[in-house]
Amino acid sequence: DLSRGPVPTLEFQKKQIRTIAAYKIN
């Protein structure tokens, strides 16, 4: 959810991508 208040930084979104990919989320 990017619309109810919190909007992540681009750098944190990249961290999200790296982390979910490490656990095989695609």
mmCIF file of all heavy atoms, coordinates in Angstrom:
data_MODEL
# 
_entry.id   MODEL 
# 
loop_
_atom_site.group_PDB 
_atom_site.id 
_atom_site.type_symbol 
_atom_site.label_atom_id 
_atom_site.label_alt_id 
_atom_site.label_comp_id 
_atom_site.label_asym_id 
_atom_site.label_entity_id 
_atom_site.label_seq_id 
_atom_site.pdbx_PDB_ins_code 
_atom_site.Cartn_x 
_atom_site.Cartn_y 
_atom_site.Cartn_z 
_atom_site.occupancy 
_atom_site.B_iso_or_equiv 
_atom_site.pdbx_formal_charge 
_atom_site.auth_seq_id 
_atom_site.auth_comp_id 
_atom_site.auth_asym_id 
_atom_site.auth_atom_id 
_atom_site.pdbx_PDB_model_num 
ATOM 1   N N   . ASP A 1 1  ? 0.834  -1.199  0.000  1.00 0.00 ? 1  ASP A N   1 
ATOM 2   C CA  . ASP A 1 1  ? 0.000  0.000   0.000  1.00 0.00 ? 1  ASP A CA  1 
ATOM 3   C C   . ASP A 1 1  ? 0.873  1.254   0.000  1.00 0.00 ? 1  ASP A C   1 
ATOM 4   O O   . ASP A 1 1  ? 1.582  1.528   0.957  1.00 0.00 ? 1  ASP A O   1 
ATOM 5   C CB  . ASP A 1 1  ? -0.896 -0.045  1.243  1.00 0.00 ? 1  ASP A CB  1 
ATOM 6   C CG  . ASP A 1 1  ? -1.839 1.140   1.361  1.00 0.00 ? 1  ASP A CG  1 
ATOM 7   O OD1 . ASP A 1 1  ? -1.786 2.042   0.512  1.00 0.00 ? 1  ASP A OD1 1 
ATOM 8   O OD2 . ASP A 1 1  ? -2.633 1.151   2.322  1.00 0.00 ? 1  ASP A OD2 1 
ATOM 9   N N   . LEU A 1 2  ? 0.760  2.044   -1.064 1.00 0.00 ? 2  LEU A N   1 
ATOM 10  C CA  . LEU A 1 2  ? 1.504  3.298   -1.169 1.00 0.00 ? 2  LEU A CA  1 
ATOM 11  C C   . LEU A 1 2  ? 0.577  4.507   -1.149 1.00 0.00 ? 2  LEU A C   1 
ATOM 12  O O   . LEU A 1 2  ? 0.958  5.583   -1.610 1.00 0.00 ? 2  LEU A O   1 
ATOM 13  C CB  . LEU A 1 2  ? 2.332  3.333   -2.461 1.00 0.00 ? 2  LEU A CB  1 
ATOM 14  C CG  . LEU A 1 2  ? 3.748  2.745   -2.409 1.00 0.00 ? 2  LEU A CG  1 
ATOM 15  C CD1 . LEU A 1 2  ? 3.757  1.283   -2.039 1.00 0.00 ? 2  LEU A CD1 1 
ATOM 16  C CD2 . LEU A 1 2  ? 4.453  2.952   -3.744 1.00 0.00 ? 2  LEU A CD2 1 
ATOM 17  N N   . SER A 1 3  ? -0.619 4.362   -0.610 1.00 0.00 ? 3  SER A N   1 
ATOM 18  C CA  . SER A 1 3  ? -1.585 5.454   -0.713 1.00 0.00 ? 3  SER A CA  1 
ATOM 19  C C   . SER A 1 3  ? -2.276 5.828   0.580  1.00 0.00 ? 3  SER A C   1 
ATOM 20  O O   . SER A 1 3  ? -3.091 6.742   0.580  1.00 0.00 ? 3  SER A O   1 
ATOM 21  C CB  . SER A 1 3  ? -2.652 5.101   -1.752 1.00 0.00 ? 3  SER A CB  1 
ATOM 22  O OG  . SER A 1 3  ? -2.129 5.216   -3.059 1.00 0.00 ? 3  SER A OG  1 
ATOM 23  N N   . ARG A 1 4  ? -2.018 5.153   1.680  1.00 0.00 ? 4  ARG A N   1 
ATOM 24  C CA  . ARG A 1 4  ? -2.728 5.449   2.924  1.00 0.00 ? 4  ARG A CA  1 
ATOM 25  C C   . ARG A 1 4  ? -1.863 6.232   3.905  1.00 0.00 ? 4  ARG A C   1 
ATOM 26  O O   . ARG A 1 4  ? -2.178 6.295   5.082  1.00 0.00 ? 4  ARG A O   1 
ATOM 27  C CB  . ARG A 1 4  ? -3.208 4.156   3.579  1.00 0.00 ? 4  ARG A CB  1 
ATOM 28  C CG  . ARG A 1 4  ? -3.951 3.229   2.642  1.00 0.00 ? 4  ARG A CG  1 
ATOM 29  C CD  . ARG A 1 4  ? -5.316 3.763   2.237  1.00 0.00 ? 4  ARG A CD  1 
ATOM 30  N NE  . ARG A 1 4  ? -5.972 2.905   1.273  1.00 0.00 ? 4  ARG A NE  1 
ATOM 31  C CZ  . ARG A 1 4  ? -6.534 1.730   1.556  1.00 0.00 ? 4  ARG A CZ  1 
ATOM 32  N NH1 . ARG A 1 4  ? -6.504 1.260   2.768  1.00 0.00 ? 4  ARG A NH1 1 
ATOM 33  N NH2 . ARG A 1 4  ? -7.117 1.031   0.601  1.00 0.00 ? 4  ARG A NH2 1 
ATOM 34  N N   . GLY A 1 5  ? -0.775 6.789   3.421  1.00 0.00 ? 5  GLY A N   1 
ATOM 35  C CA  . GLY A 1 5  ? 0.108  7.557   4.286  1.00 0.00 ? 5  GLY A CA  1 
ATOM 36  C C   . GLY A 1 5  ? 1.563  7.299   3.960  1.00 0.00 ? 5  GLY A C   1 
ATOM 37  O O   . GLY A 1 5  ? 2.233  8.118   3.338  1.00 0.00 ? 5  GLY A O   1 
ATOM 38  N N   . PRO A 1 6  ? 2.095  6.140   4.389  1.00 0.00 ? 6  PRO A N   1 
ATOM 39  C CA  . PRO A 1 6  ? 3.506  5.863   4.124  1.00 0.00 ? 6  PRO A CA  1 
ATOM 40  C C   . PRO A 1 6  ? 3.792  5.698   2.631  1.00 0.00 ? 6  PRO A C   1 
ATOM 41  O O   . PRO A 1 6  ? 3.108  4.938   1.939  1.00 0.00 ? 6  PRO A O   1 
ATOM 42  C CB  . PRO A 1 6  ? 3.748  4.539   4.861  1.00 0.00 ? 6  PRO A CB  1 
ATOM 43  C CG  . PRO A 1 6  ? 2.661  4.441   5.876  1.00 0.00 ? 6  PRO A CG  1 
ATOM 44  C CD  . PRO A 1 6  ? 1.475  5.109   5.249  1.00 0.00 ? 6  PRO A CD  1 
ATOM 45  N N   . VAL A 1 7  ? 4.785  6.401   2.142  1.00 0.00 ? 7  VAL A N   1 
ATOM 46  C CA  . VAL A 1 7  ? 5.279  6.227   0.773  1.00 0.00 ? 7  VAL A CA  1 
ATOM 47  C C   . VAL A 1 7  ? 6.770  5.940   0.881  1.00 0.00 ? 7  VAL A C   1 
ATOM 48  O O   . VAL A 1 7  ? 7.537  6.797   1.326  1.00 0.00 ? 7  VAL A O   1 
ATOM 49  C CB  . VAL A 1 7  ? 5.033  7.477   -0.097 1.00 0.00 ? 7  VAL A CB  1 
ATOM 50  C CG1 . VAL A 1 7  ? 5.596  7.270   -1.495 1.00 0.00 ? 7  VAL A CG1 1 
ATOM 51  C CG2 . VAL A 1 7  ? 3.534  7.798   -0.171 1.00 0.00 ? 7  VAL A CG2 1 
ATOM 52  N N   . PRO A 1 8  ? 7.200  4.737   0.520  1.00 0.00 ? 8  PRO A N   1 
ATOM 53  C CA  . PRO A 1 8  ? 8.608  4.384   0.711  1.00 0.00 ? 8  PRO A CA  1 
ATOM 54  C C   . PRO A 1 8  ? 9.531  5.183   -0.193 1.00 0.00 ? 8  PRO A C   1 
ATOM 55  O O   . PRO A 1 8  ? 9.134  5.643   -1.267 1.00 0.00 ? 8  PRO A O   1 
ATOM 56  C CB  . PRO A 1 8  ? 8.647  2.894   0.359  1.00 0.00 ? 8  PRO A CB  1 
ATOM 57  C CG  . PRO A 1 8  ? 7.472  2.680   -0.528 1.00 0.00 ? 8  PRO A CG  1 
ATOM 58  C CD  . PRO A 1 8  ? 6.418  3.640   -0.077 1.00 0.00 ? 8  PRO A CD  1 
ATOM 59  N N   . THR A 1 9  ? 10.748 5.334   0.254  1.00 0.00 ? 9  THR A N   1 
ATOM 60  C CA  . THR A 1 9  ? 11.774 5.897   -0.619 1.00 0.00 ? 9  THR A CA  1 
ATOM 61  C C   . THR A 1 9  ? 12.103 4.877   -1.699 1.00 0.00 ? 9  THR A C   1 
ATOM 62  O O   . THR A 1 9  ? 11.874 3.669   -1.541 1.00 0.00 ? 9  THR A O   1 
ATOM 63  C CB  . THR A 1 9  ? 13.048 6.216   0.161  1.00 0.00 ? 9  THR A CB  1 
ATOM 64  O OG1 . THR A 1 9  ? 13.594 4.992   0.688  1.00 0.00 ? 9  THR A OG1 1 
ATOM 65  C CG2 . THR A 1 9  ? 12.764 7.166   1.317  1.00 0.00 ? 9  THR A CG2 1 
ATOM 66  N N   . LEU A 1 10 ? 12.661 5.350   -2.796 1.00 0.00 ? 10 LEU A N   1 
ATOM 67  C CA  . LEU A 1 10 ? 13.054 4.441   -3.868 1.00 0.00 ? 10 LEU A CA  1 
ATOM 68  C C   . LEU A 1 10 ? 14.110 3.460   -3.368 1.00 0.00 ? 10 LEU A C   1 
ATOM 69  O O   . LEU A 1 10 ? 14.084 2.273   -3.728 1.00 0.00 ? 10 LEU A O   1 
ATOM 70  C CB  . LEU A 1 10 ? 13.570 5.235   -5.068 1.00 0.00 ? 10 LEU A CB  1 
ATOM 71  C CG  . LEU A 1 10 ? 14.007 4.411   -6.280 1.00 0.00 ? 10 LEU A CG  1 
ATOM 72  C CD1 . LEU A 1 10 ? 12.862 3.568   -6.818 1.00 0.00 ? 10 LEU A CD1 1 
ATOM 73  C CD2 . LEU A 1 10 ? 14.553 5.334   -7.380 1.00 0.00 ? 10 LEU A CD2 1 
ATOM 74  N N   . GLU A 1 11 ? 15.019 3.924   -2.532 1.00 0.00 ? 11 GLU A N   1 
ATOM 75  C CA  . GLU A 1 11 ? 16.051 3.027   -2.014 1.00 0.00 ? 11 GLU A CA  1 
ATOM 76  C C   . GLU A 1 11 ? 15.443 1.925   -1.156 1.00 0.00 ? 11 GLU A C   1 
ATOM 77  O O   . GLU A 1 11 ? 15.896 0.777   -1.206 1.00 0.00 ? 11 GLU A O   1 
ATOM 78  C CB  . GLU A 1 11 ? 17.091 3.822   -1.216 1.00 0.00 ? 11 GLU A CB  1 
ATOM 79  C CG  . GLU A 1 11 ? 18.029 4.637   -2.081 1.00 0.00 ? 11 GLU A CG  1 
ATOM 80  C CD  . GLU A 1 11 ? 18.671 3.811   -3.194 1.00 0.00 ? 11 GLU A CD  1 
ATOM 81  O OE1 . GLU A 1 11 ? 19.290 2.765   -2.877 1.00 0.00 ? 11 GLU A OE1 1 
ATOM 82  O OE2 . GLU A 1 11 ? 18.543 4.195   -4.381 1.00 0.00 ? 11 GLU A OE2 1 
ATOM 83  N N   . PHE A 1 12 ? 14.418 2.269   -0.368 1.00 0.00 ? 12 PHE A N   1 
ATOM 84  C CA  . PHE A 1 12 ? 13.795 1.216   0.431  1.00 0.00 ? 12 PHE A CA  1 
ATOM 85  C C   . PHE A 1 12 ? 13.024 0.246   -0.458 1.00 0.00 ? 12 PHE A C   1 
ATOM 86  O O   . PHE A 1 12 ? 13.012 -0.965  -0.198 1.00 0.00 ? 12 PHE A O   1 
ATOM 87  C CB  . PHE A 1 12 ? 12.867 1.797   1.497  1.00 0.00 ? 12 PHE A CB  1 
ATOM 88  C CG  . PHE A 1 12 ? 12.315 0.737   2.421  1.00 0.00 ? 12 PHE A CG  1 
ATOM 89  C CD1 . PHE A 1 12 ? 13.123 0.173   3.387  1.00 0.00 ? 12 PHE A CD1 1 
ATOM 90  C CD2 . PHE A 1 12 ? 11.004 0.289   2.309  1.00 0.00 ? 12 PHE A CD2 1 
ATOM 91  C CE1 . PHE A 1 12 ? 12.641 -0.814  4.232  1.00 0.00 ? 12 PHE A CE1 1 
ATOM 92  C CE2 . PHE A 1 12 ? 10.510 -0.693  3.149  1.00 0.00 ? 12 PHE A CE2 1 
ATOM 93  C CZ  . PHE A 1 12 ? 11.334 -1.248  4.116  1.00 0.00 ? 12 PHE A CZ  1 
ATOM 94  N N   . GLN A 1 13 ? 12.398 0.738   -1.500 1.00 0.00 ? 13 GLN A N   1 
ATOM 95  C CA  . GLN A 1 13 ? 11.722 -0.174  -2.424 1.00 0.00 ? 13 GLN A CA  1 
ATOM 96  C C   . GLN A 1 13 ? 12.711 -1.142  -3.064 1.00 0.00 ? 13 GLN A C   1 
ATOM 97  O O   . GLN A 1 13 ? 12.393 -2.316  -3.273 1.00 0.00 ? 13 GLN A O   1 
ATOM 98  C CB  . GLN A 1 13 ? 10.977 0.619   -3.498 1.00 0.00 ? 13 GLN A CB  1 
ATOM 99  C CG  . GLN A 1 13 ? 9.700  1.272   -2.980 1.00 0.00 ? 13 GLN A CG  1 
ATOM 100 C CD  . GLN A 1 13 ? 8.953  2.000   -4.084 1.00 0.00 ? 13 GLN A CD  1 
ATOM 101 O OE1 . GLN A 1 13 ? 9.429  3.003   -4.610 1.00 0.00 ? 13 GLN A OE1 1 
ATOM 102 N NE2 . GLN A 1 13 ? 7.796  1.494   -4.447 1.00 0.00 ? 13 GLN A NE2 1 
ATOM 103 N N   . LYS A 1 14 ? 13.892 -0.663  -3.362 1.00 0.00 ? 14 LYS A N   1 
ATOM 104 C CA  . LYS A 1 14 ? 14.917 -1.559  -3.899 1.00 0.00 ? 14 LYS A CA  1 
ATOM 105 C C   . LYS A 1 14 ? 15.294 -2.615  -2.861 1.00 0.00 ? 14 LYS A C   1 
ATOM 106 O O   . LYS A 1 14 ? 15.505 -3.788  -3.211 1.00 0.00 ? 14 LYS A O   1 
ATOM 107 C CB  . LYS A 1 14 ? 16.140 -0.763  -4.335 1.00 0.00 ? 14 LYS A CB  1 
ATOM 108 C CG  . LYS A 1 14 ? 15.905 0.086   -5.585 1.00 0.00 ? 14 LYS A CG  1 
ATOM 109 C CD  . LYS A 1 14 ? 17.148 0.874   -5.967 1.00 0.00 ? 14 LYS A CD  1 
ATOM 110 C CE  . LYS A 1 14 ? 16.922 1.682   -7.242 1.00 0.00 ? 14 LYS A CE  1 
ATOM 111 N NZ  . LYS A 1 14 ? 18.121 2.476   -7.617 1.00 0.00 ? 14 LYS A NZ  1 
ATOM 112 N N   . LYS A 1 15 ? 15.368 -2.208  -1.617 1.00 0.00 ? 15 LYS A N   1 
ATOM 113 C CA  . LYS A 1 15 ? 15.623 -3.188  -0.557 1.00 0.00 ? 15 LYS A CA  1 
ATOM 114 C C   . LYS A 1 15 ? 14.477 -4.201  -0.481 1.00 0.00 ? 15 LYS A C   1 
ATOM 115 O O   . LYS A 1 15 ? 14.712 -5.406  -0.303 1.00 0.00 ? 15 LYS A O   1 
ATOM 116 C CB  . LYS A 1 15 ? 15.794 -2.487  0.789  1.00 0.00 ? 15 LYS A CB  1 
ATOM 117 C CG  . LYS A 1 15 ? 15.923 -3.460  1.967  1.00 0.00 ? 15 LYS A CG  1 
ATOM 118 C CD  . LYS A 1 15 ? 16.028 -2.740  3.286  1.00 0.00 ? 15 LYS A CD  1 
ATOM 119 C CE  . LYS A 1 15 ? 15.934 -3.711  4.453  1.00 0.00 ? 15 LYS A CE  1 
ATOM 120 N NZ  . LYS A 1 15 ? 16.973 -4.749  4.444  1.00 0.00 ? 15 LYS A NZ  1 
ATOM 121 N N   . GLN A 1 16 ? 13.240 -3.720  -0.596 1.00 0.00 ? 16 GLN A N   1 
ATOM 122 C CA  . GLN A 1 16 ? 12.106 -4.643  -0.621 1.00 0.00 ? 16 GLN A CA  1 
ATOM 123 C C   . GLN A 1 16 ? 12.254 -5.654  -1.750 1.00 0.00 ? 16 GLN A C   1 
ATOM 124 O O   . GLN A 1 16 ? 12.012 -6.853  -1.568 1.00 0.00 ? 16 GLN A O   1 
ATOM 125 C CB  . GLN A 1 16 ? 10.794 -3.866  -0.789 1.00 0.00 ? 16 GLN A CB  1 
ATOM 126 C CG  . GLN A 1 16 ? 10.368 -3.069  0.428  1.00 0.00 ? 16 GLN A CG  1 
ATOM 127 C CD  . GLN A 1 16 ? 9.109  -2.269  0.141  1.00 0.00 ? 16 GLN A CD  1 
ATOM 128 O OE1 . GLN A 1 16 ? 9.097  -1.414  -0.747 1.00 0.00 ? 16 GLN A OE1 1 
ATOM 129 N NE2 . GLN A 1 16 ? 8.049  -2.543  0.878  1.00 0.00 ? 16 GLN A NE2 1 
ATOM 130 N N   . ILE A 1 17 ? 12.630 -5.170  -2.927 1.00 0.00 ? 17 ILE A N   1 
ATOM 131 C CA  . ILE A 1 17 ? 12.801 -6.060  -4.075 1.00 0.00 ? 17 ILE A CA  1 
ATOM 132 C C   . ILE A 1 17 ? 13.873 -7.105  -3.781 1.00 0.00 ? 17 ILE A C   1 
ATOM 133 O O   . ILE A 1 17 ? 13.668 -8.308  -4.000 1.00 0.00 ? 17 ILE A O   1 
ATOM 134 C CB  . ILE A 1 17 ? 13.180 -5.246  -5.334 1.00 0.00 ? 17 ILE A CB  1 
ATOM 135 C CG1 . ILE A 1 17 ? 12.026 -4.329  -5.769 1.00 0.00 ? 17 ILE A CG1 1 
ATOM 136 C CG2 . ILE A 1 17 ? 13.603 -6.181  -6.471 1.00 0.00 ? 17 ILE A CG2 1 
ATOM 137 C CD1 . ILE A 1 17 ? 10.773 -5.042  -6.208 1.00 0.00 ? 17 ILE A CD1 1 
ATOM 138 N N   . ARG A 1 18 ? 15.018 -6.663  -3.294 1.00 0.00 ? 18 ARG A N   1 
ATOM 139 C CA  . ARG A 1 18 ? 16.101 -7.611  -3.005 1.00 0.00 ? 18 ARG A CA  1 
ATOM 140 C C   . ARG A 1 18 ? 15.666 -8.648  -1.979 1.00 0.00 ? 18 ARG A C   1 
ATOM 141 O O   . ARG A 1 18 ? 15.983 -9.840  -2.105 1.00 0.00 ? 18 ARG A O   1 
ATOM 142 C CB  . ARG A 1 18 ? 17.334 -6.869  -2.470 1.00 0.00 ? 18 ARG A CB  1 
ATOM 143 C CG  . ARG A 1 18 ? 18.017 -5.956  -3.451 1.00 0.00 ? 18 ARG A CG  1 
ATOM 144 C CD  . ARG A 1 18 ? 19.381 -5.501  -2.933 1.00 0.00 ? 18 ARG A CD  1 
ATOM 145 N NE  . ARG A 1 18 ? 19.321 -4.814  -1.655 1.00 0.00 ? 18 ARG A NE  1 
ATOM 146 C CZ  . ARG A 1 18 ? 19.135 -3.513  -1.497 1.00 0.00 ? 18 ARG A CZ  1 
ATOM 147 N NH1 . ARG A 1 18 ? 18.939 -2.739  -2.562 1.00 0.00 ? 18 ARG A NH1 1 
ATOM 148 N NH2 . ARG A 1 18 ? 19.132 -2.961  -0.284 1.00 0.00 ? 18 ARG A NH2 1 
ATOM 149 N N   . THR A 1 19 ? 14.936 -8.178  -0.977 1.00 0.00 ? 19 THR A N   1 
ATOM 150 C CA  . THR A 1 19 ? 14.574 -9.072  0.121  1.00 0.00 ? 19 THR A CA  1 
ATOM 151 C C   . THR A 1 19 ? 13.514 -10.073 -0.297 1.00 0.00 ? 19 THR A C   1 
ATOM 152 O O   . THR A 1 19 ? 13.635 -11.272 -0.017 1.00 0.00 ? 19 THR A O   1 
ATOM 153 C CB  . THR A 1 19 ? 14.096 -8.261  1.340  1.00 0.00 ? 19 THR A CB  1 
ATOM 154 O OG1 . THR A 1 19 ? 15.084 -7.283  1.666  1.00 0.00 ? 19 THR A OG1 1 
ATOM 155 C CG2 . THR A 1 19 ? 13.864 -9.167  2.533  1.00 0.00 ? 19 THR A CG2 1 
ATOM 156 N N   . ILE A 1 20 ? 12.470 -9.605  -0.962 1.00 0.00 ? 20 ILE A N   1 
ATOM 157 C CA  . ILE A 1 20 ? 11.436 -10.563 -1.364 1.00 0.00 ? 20 ILE A CA  1 
ATOM 158 C C   . ILE A 1 20 ? 11.986 -11.547 -2.395 1.00 0.00 ? 20 ILE A C   1 
ATOM 159 O O   . ILE A 1 20 ? 11.630 -12.735 -2.389 1.00 0.00 ? 20 ILE A O   1 
ATOM 160 C CB  . ILE A 1 20 ? 10.162 -9.863  -1.880 1.00 0.00 ? 20 ILE A CB  1 
ATOM 161 C CG1 . ILE A 1 20 ? 10.411 -9.061  -3.164 1.00 0.00 ? 20 ILE A CG1 1 
ATOM 162 C CG2 . ILE A 1 20 ? 9.552  -9.005  -0.783 1.00 0.00 ? 20 ILE A CG2 1 
ATOM 163 C CD1 . ILE A 1 20 ? 9.146  -8.442  -3.758 1.00 0.00 ? 20 ILE A CD1 1 
ATOM 164 N N   . ALA A 1 21 ? 12.885 -11.081 -3.262 1.00 0.00 ? 21 ALA A N   1 
ATOM 165 C CA  . ALA A 1 21 ? 13.490 -11.980 -4.247 1.00 0.00 ? 21 ALA A CA  1 
ATOM 166 C C   . ALA A 1 21 ? 14.317 -13.056 -3.550 1.00 0.00 ? 21 ALA A C   1 
ATOM 167 O O   . ALA A 1 21 ? 14.356 -14.212 -3.993 1.00 0.00 ? 21 ALA A O   1 
ATOM 168 C CB  . ALA A 1 21 ? 14.355 -11.189 -5.220 1.00 0.00 ? 21 ALA A CB  1 
ATOM 169 N N   . ALA A 1 22 ? 14.979 -12.686 -2.457 1.00 0.00 ? 22 ALA A N   1 
ATOM 170 C CA  . ALA A 1 22 ? 15.784 -13.652 -1.711 1.00 0.00 ? 22 ALA A CA  1 
ATOM 171 C C   . ALA A 1 22 ? 14.925 -14.775 -1.149 1.00 0.00 ? 22 ALA A C   1 
ATOM 172 O O   . ALA A 1 22 ? 15.430 -15.872 -0.882 1.00 0.00 ? 22 ALA A O   1 
ATOM 173 C CB  . ALA A 1 22 ? 16.537 -12.952 -0.585 1.00 0.00 ? 22 ALA A CB  1 
ATOM 174 N N   . TYR A 1 23 ? 13.633 -14.516 -0.979 1.00 0.00 ? 23 TYR A N   1 
ATOM 175 C CA  . TYR A 1 23 ? 12.715 -15.537 -0.474 1.00 0.00 ? 23 TYR A CA  1 
ATOM 176 C C   . TYR A 1 23 ? 11.762 -16.020 -1.569 1.00 0.00 ? 23 TYR A C   1 
ATOM 177 O O   . TYR A 1 23 ? 10.695 -16.539 -1.290 1.00 0.00 ? 23 TYR A O   1 
ATOM 178 C CB  . TYR A 1 23 ? 11.974 -15.005 0.756  1.00 0.00 ? 23 TYR A CB  1 
ATOM 179 C CG  . TYR A 1 23 ? 12.933 -14.828 1.908  1.00 0.00 ? 23 TYR A CG  1 
ATOM 180 C CD1 . TYR A 1 23 ? 13.561 -13.611 2.143  1.00 0.00 ? 23 TYR A CD1 1 
ATOM 181 C CD2 . TYR A 1 23 ? 13.276 -15.902 2.715  1.00 0.00 ? 23 TYR A CD2 1 
ATOM 182 C CE1 . TYR A 1 23 ? 14.483 -13.462 3.164  1.00 0.00 ? 23 TYR A CE1 1 
ATOM 183 C CE2 . TYR A 1 23 ? 14.194 -15.762 3.744  1.00 0.00 ? 23 TYR A CE2 1 
ATOM 184 C CZ  . TYR A 1 23 ? 14.800 -14.541 3.956  1.00 0.00 ? 23 TYR A CZ  1 
ATOM 185 O OH  . TYR A 1 23 ? 15.724 -14.396 4.959  1.00 0.00 ? 23 TYR A OH  1 
ATOM 186 N N   . LYS A 1 24 ? 12.204 -15.809 -2.820 1.00 0.00 ? 24 LYS A N   1 
ATOM 187 C CA  . LYS A 1 24 ? 11.572 -16.418 -3.994 1.00 0.00 ? 24 LYS A CA  1 
ATOM 188 C C   . LYS A 1 24 ? 10.177 -15.867 -4.298 1.00 0.00 ? 24 LYS A C   1 
ATOM 189 O O   . LYS A 1 24 ? 9.351  -16.532 -4.922 1.00 0.00 ? 24 LYS A O   1 
ATOM 190 C CB  . LYS A 1 24 ? 11.555 -17.945 -3.856 1.00 0.00 ? 24 LYS A CB  1 
ATOM 191 C CG  . LYS A 1 24 ? 12.958 -18.538 -3.623 1.00 0.00 ? 24 LYS A CG  1 
ATOM 192 C CD  . LYS A 1 24 ? 12.938 -20.048 -3.462 1.00 0.00 ? 24 LYS A CD  1 
ATOM 193 C CE  . LYS A 1 24 ? 14.345 -20.614 -3.296 1.00 0.00 ? 24 LYS A CE  1 
ATOM 194 N NZ  . LYS A 1 24 ? 15.017 -20.212 -2.052 1.00 0.00 ? 24 LYS A NZ  1 
ATOM 195 N N   . ILE A 1 25 ? 9.926  -14.648 -3.860 1.00 0.00 ? 25 ILE A N   1 
ATOM 196 C CA  . ILE A 1 25 ? 8.732  -13.915 -4.295 1.00 0.00 ? 25 ILE A CA  1 
ATOM 197 C C   . ILE A 1 25 ? 9.051  -13.267 -5.637 1.00 0.00 ? 25 ILE A C   1 
ATOM 198 O O   . ILE A 1 25 ? 10.122 -12.674 -5.800 1.00 0.00 ? 25 ILE A O   1 
ATOM 199 C CB  . ILE A 1 25 ? 8.343  -12.860 -3.249 1.00 0.00 ? 25 ILE A CB  1 
ATOM 200 C CG1 . ILE A 1 25 ? 7.816  -13.541 -1.973 1.00 0.00 ? 25 ILE A CG1 1 
ATOM 201 C CG2 . ILE A 1 25 ? 7.308  -11.883 -3.791 1.00 0.00 ? 25 ILE A CG2 1 
ATOM 202 C CD1 . ILE A 1 25 ? 7.558  -12.593 -0.823 1.00 0.00 ? 25 ILE A CD1 1 
ATOM 203 N N   . ASN A 1 26 ? 8.143  -13.384 -6.599 1.00 0.00 ? 26 ASN A N   1 
ATOM 204 C CA  . ASN A 1 26 ? 8.458  -12.889 -7.949 1.00 0.00 ? 26 ASN A CA  1 
ATOM 205 C C   . ASN A 1 26 ? 7.509  -11.802 -8.453 1.00 0.00 ? 26 ASN A C   1 
ATOM 206 O O   . ASN A 1 26 ? 7.563  -11.435 -9.634 1.00 0.00 ? 26 ASN A O   1 
ATOM 207 C CB  . ASN A 1 26 ? 8.533  -14.043 -8.953 1.00 0.00 ? 26 ASN A CB  1 
ATOM 208 C CG  . ASN A 1 26 ? 7.236  -14.838 -9.064 1.00 0.00 ? 26 ASN A CG  1 
ATOM 209 O OD1 . ASN A 1 26 ? 6.227  -14.483 -8.465 1.00 0.00 ? 26 ASN A OD1 1 
ATOM 210 N ND2 . ASN A 1 26 ? 7.271  -15.917 -9.821 1.00 0.00 ? 26 ASN A ND2 1 
# 
